[in-house]
């Protein structure tokens, strides 16, 4: 089913992004660069999810 494929892809991206964000959190000192890096991971996931949802046929 189309909706299930979309959810599966979005979850995969979310899970991978969470692991990357946790690596950033664990290894980058607190400060504006760390905040920006985590924010950009979040933005990338949202953009990718939109691409999946809008581009799936």
N, C-alpha and C. Protein backbone atom coordinates (compact mmCIF):
# COMPACT_ATOMS: atom_id res chain seq x y z
N UNK A 1 0.84 -1.18 0.00
CA UNK A 1 0.00 0.00 0.00
C UNK A 1 0.89 1.24 0.00
N UNK A 2 0.48 2.25 -0.74
CA UNK A 2 1.26 3.47 -0.92
C UNK A 2 1.57 4.15 0.41
N UNK A 3 0.56 4.32 1.25
CA UNK A 3 0.74 5.01 2.53
C UNK A 3 1.76 4.29 3.41
N UNK A 4 1.72 2.98 3.41
CA UNK A 4 2.67 2.19 4.20
C UNK A 4 4.10 2.39 3.72
N UNK A 5 4.30 2.46 2.40
CA UNK A 5 5.64 2.71 1.85
C UNK A 5 6.16 4.08 2.27
N UNK A 6 5.28 5.06 2.23
CA UNK A 6 5.67 6.41 2.64
C UNK A 6 6.07 6.42 4.11
N UNK A 7 5.25 5.83 4.95
CA UNK A 7 5.56 5.79 6.39
C UNK A 7 6.87 5.06 6.66
N UNK A 8 7.10 3.96 5.96
CA UNK A 8 8.32 3.18 6.15
C UNK A 8 9.55 4.00 5.78
N UNK A 9 9.49 4.70 4.67
CA UNK A 9 10.62 5.54 4.24
C UNK A 9 10.86 6.69 5.23
N UNK A 10 9.80 7.33 5.65
CA UNK A 10 9.94 8.45 6.59
C UNK A 10 10.51 7.97 7.92
N UNK A 11 10.06 6.82 8.40
CA UNK A 11 10.58 6.29 9.66
C UNK A 11 12.06 5.95 9.54
N UNK A 12 12.46 5.36 8.42
CA UNK A 12 13.87 5.06 8.20
C UNK A 12 14.72 6.32 8.29
N UNK A 13 14.29 7.38 7.62
CA UNK A 13 15.03 8.64 7.67
C UNK A 13 15.05 9.21 9.08
N UNK A 14 13.92 9.18 9.77
CA UNK A 14 13.86 9.70 11.14
C UNK A 14 14.81 8.95 12.06
N UNK A 15 14.82 7.63 11.95
CA UNK A 15 15.68 6.83 12.81
C UNK A 15 17.16 7.12 12.55
N UNK A 16 17.53 7.23 11.28
CA UNK A 16 18.92 7.53 10.94
C UNK A 16 19.30 8.94 11.38
N UNK A 17 18.40 9.87 11.20
CA UNK A 17 18.67 11.25 11.61
C UNK A 17 18.80 11.35 13.12
N UNK A 18 17.98 10.60 13.84
CA UNK A 18 18.08 10.61 15.30
C UNK A 18 19.44 10.11 15.75
N UNK A 19 19.92 9.04 15.12
CA UNK A 19 21.24 8.51 15.48
C UNK A 19 22.32 9.54 15.18
N UNK A 20 22.21 10.23 14.06
CA UNK A 20 23.20 11.26 13.71
C UNK A 20 23.13 12.43 14.68
N UNK A 21 21.92 12.86 15.02
CA UNK A 21 21.76 13.97 15.97
C UNK A 21 22.31 13.59 17.34
N UNK A 22 22.12 12.34 17.74
CA UNK A 22 22.68 11.88 19.02
C UNK A 22 24.20 11.87 18.98
N UNK A 23 24.78 11.50 17.85
CA UNK A 23 26.24 11.53 17.70
C UNK A 23 26.75 12.97 17.80
N UNK A 24 26.03 13.89 17.19
CA UNK A 24 26.40 15.30 17.31
C UNK A 24 26.33 15.73 18.77
N UNK A 25 25.22 15.39 19.43
CA UNK A 25 25.03 15.77 20.82
C UNK A 25 26.12 15.21 21.72
N UNK A 26 26.54 13.98 21.44
CA UNK A 26 27.56 13.32 22.28
C UNK A 26 28.97 13.84 22.03
N UNK A 27 29.24 14.38 20.84
CA UNK A 27 30.62 14.68 20.46
C UNK A 27 30.96 16.15 20.22
N UNK A 28 29.94 16.98 20.10
CA UNK A 28 30.19 18.40 19.84
C UNK A 28 29.95 19.18 21.13
N UNK A 29 30.88 20.05 21.50
CA UNK A 29 30.67 20.85 22.72
C UNK A 29 29.41 21.72 22.60
N UNK A 30 28.76 21.94 23.75
CA UNK A 30 27.59 22.81 23.76
C UNK A 30 27.94 24.17 23.21
N UNK A 31 27.02 24.73 22.45
CA UNK A 31 27.24 26.06 21.88
C UNK A 31 26.41 26.22 20.61
N UNK A 32 26.59 27.35 19.97
CA UNK A 32 25.77 27.65 18.79
C UNK A 32 26.02 26.70 17.62
N UNK A 33 27.23 26.19 17.47
CA UNK A 33 27.49 25.27 16.36
C UNK A 33 26.75 23.95 16.56
N UNK A 34 26.73 23.47 17.79
CA UNK A 34 26.00 22.23 18.09
C UNK A 34 24.51 22.42 17.84
N UNK A 35 23.97 23.53 18.31
CA UNK A 35 22.55 23.81 18.11
C UNK A 35 22.22 23.90 16.63
N UNK A 36 23.07 24.57 15.87
CA UNK A 36 22.83 24.72 14.43
C UNK A 36 22.90 23.37 13.73
N UNK A 37 23.86 22.54 14.11
CA UNK A 37 24.01 21.24 13.47
C UNK A 37 22.77 20.37 13.71
N UNK A 38 22.28 20.35 14.93
CA UNK A 38 21.10 19.55 15.24
C UNK A 38 19.87 20.13 14.53
N UNK A 39 19.76 21.44 14.48
CA UNK A 39 18.65 22.08 13.78
C UNK A 39 18.66 21.72 12.29
N UNK A 40 19.84 21.68 11.70
CA UNK A 40 19.94 21.35 10.27
C UNK A 40 19.61 19.89 10.00
N UNK A 41 19.92 19.00 10.93
CA UNK A 41 19.50 17.60 10.78
C UNK A 41 17.98 17.53 10.77
N UNK A 42 17.38 18.24 11.71
CA UNK A 42 15.90 18.28 11.77
C UNK A 42 15.31 18.83 10.49
N UNK A 43 15.89 19.91 9.99
CA UNK A 43 15.41 20.52 8.74
C UNK A 43 15.57 19.54 7.57
N UNK A 44 16.68 18.84 7.52
CA UNK A 44 16.91 17.88 6.44
C UNK A 44 15.87 16.77 6.45
N UNK A 45 15.52 16.29 7.64
CA UNK A 45 14.50 15.24 7.74
C UNK A 45 13.15 15.77 7.25
N UNK A 46 12.78 16.95 7.66
CA UNK A 46 11.50 17.51 7.24
C UNK A 46 11.45 17.70 5.73
N UNK A 47 12.54 18.18 5.15
CA UNK A 47 12.58 18.38 3.71
C UNK A 47 12.52 17.04 2.97
N UNK A 48 13.28 16.06 3.47
CA UNK A 48 13.26 14.74 2.84
C UNK A 48 11.88 14.09 2.95
N UNK A 49 11.24 14.22 4.10
CA UNK A 49 9.90 13.66 4.27
C UNK A 49 8.90 14.31 3.31
N UNK A 50 9.02 15.60 3.12
CA UNK A 50 8.15 16.29 2.16
C UNK A 50 8.39 15.75 0.75
N UNK A 51 9.65 15.53 0.42
CA UNK A 51 9.97 14.98 -0.90
C UNK A 51 9.39 13.60 -1.09
N UNK A 52 9.45 12.79 -0.05
CA UNK A 52 8.88 11.45 -0.12
C UNK A 52 7.36 11.53 -0.30
N UNK A 53 6.72 12.34 0.53
CA UNK A 53 5.26 12.43 0.51
C UNK A 53 4.74 13.03 -0.80
N UNK A 54 5.43 14.02 -1.31
CA UNK A 54 4.97 14.70 -2.53
C UNK A 54 5.40 13.98 -3.80
N UNK A 55 6.48 13.23 -3.72
CA UNK A 55 7.01 12.61 -4.93
C UNK A 55 6.60 11.17 -5.13
N UNK A 56 5.98 10.58 -4.13
CA UNK A 56 5.58 9.17 -4.23
C UNK A 56 4.37 9.02 -5.12
N UNK A 57 4.42 8.02 -5.98
CA UNK A 57 3.23 7.77 -6.84
C UNK A 57 2.94 6.29 -6.90
